[in-house]
Amino acid sequence: MGGFVGVSDFGTKLSTAKPDIMDFTMTPAVASQDLVIQCTIICKLADALQHTINELTGTRKSRPSLTVVALLARNLLELRVWIEFCTKSTKNARKLQLDAVRDFDGMIKHVSPGAPDTHHEAIGLFKQFSDARAELEQVLEPGELVGSYQKVRKAAEEIGLVEFDLGLKVLSKFVHPTAFLISVGQVSDEKYTLIQDALIKYGLEIASAAATIGKAFNESIRERLQPRI
């Protein structure tokens, strides 16, 4: 199980802290099922955070379009929201888990029927989706899936992340074919590097904040459960 990363010097130095939270929470006598779910969600978010950081810093070498760089930075912004949102309560983590089930439902019901019988890799992939969905369903209560998705903007409001809207708007100017991006057109190598560095710096600042929140959560779990082991 993955753990939270520590980010310093805007990604030039990365360290990974793996607290193995699940060592504390896999035993029902030690932790409630809701806490197990919360820790599992947090660990998956931590893995996603680390993976996205690696992708973002890797753009310095690969130099993809600014759209790709901005999308990765925006993904870190959204992950920062979900990490704090899910550490706030087991109820919040449960909401994200339910959204995962809804996502699987959408893939299985709407996408998999269109996969050709001859495409064995696609069939195998959707079988994995079905199995994962079935595993998640085992911990659902009747009627829990009734309702809508937890919107990331609403989650940002609930945790008081006032800068989320501004960050999302700025990054989206590069992600979508906006009038701004169309007007800018192809930029010179010098301007590309300048904008890329700014996007990477912003993304890694966001990742650092997310890592700090995650580490605090890990420490609180250890303090709560260690004496009872």
Foldseek 3Di string as FASTA:
>chain_A
DFAAKADDPLRPDIDGDRLPLVVQVVDCVQDPPLVNLLVVLLRVLRVVLVVLLVVLVCCVPVVDALLVNLVSLLVLLLSLLLLLLSLVDSVSSVLVLLVLLVVLVCCLVPPLVPDDPVPVVSVVVNVVSVVVSVVSCVPDDPPPNPDDHDDSVVSCVVVVVVCSVVSVVVSVPSNDPDPVDVVCDDDDPVVSVVSSVVSSSSSSVSSNSSSVSRVVSSVVSCVSRVVVD
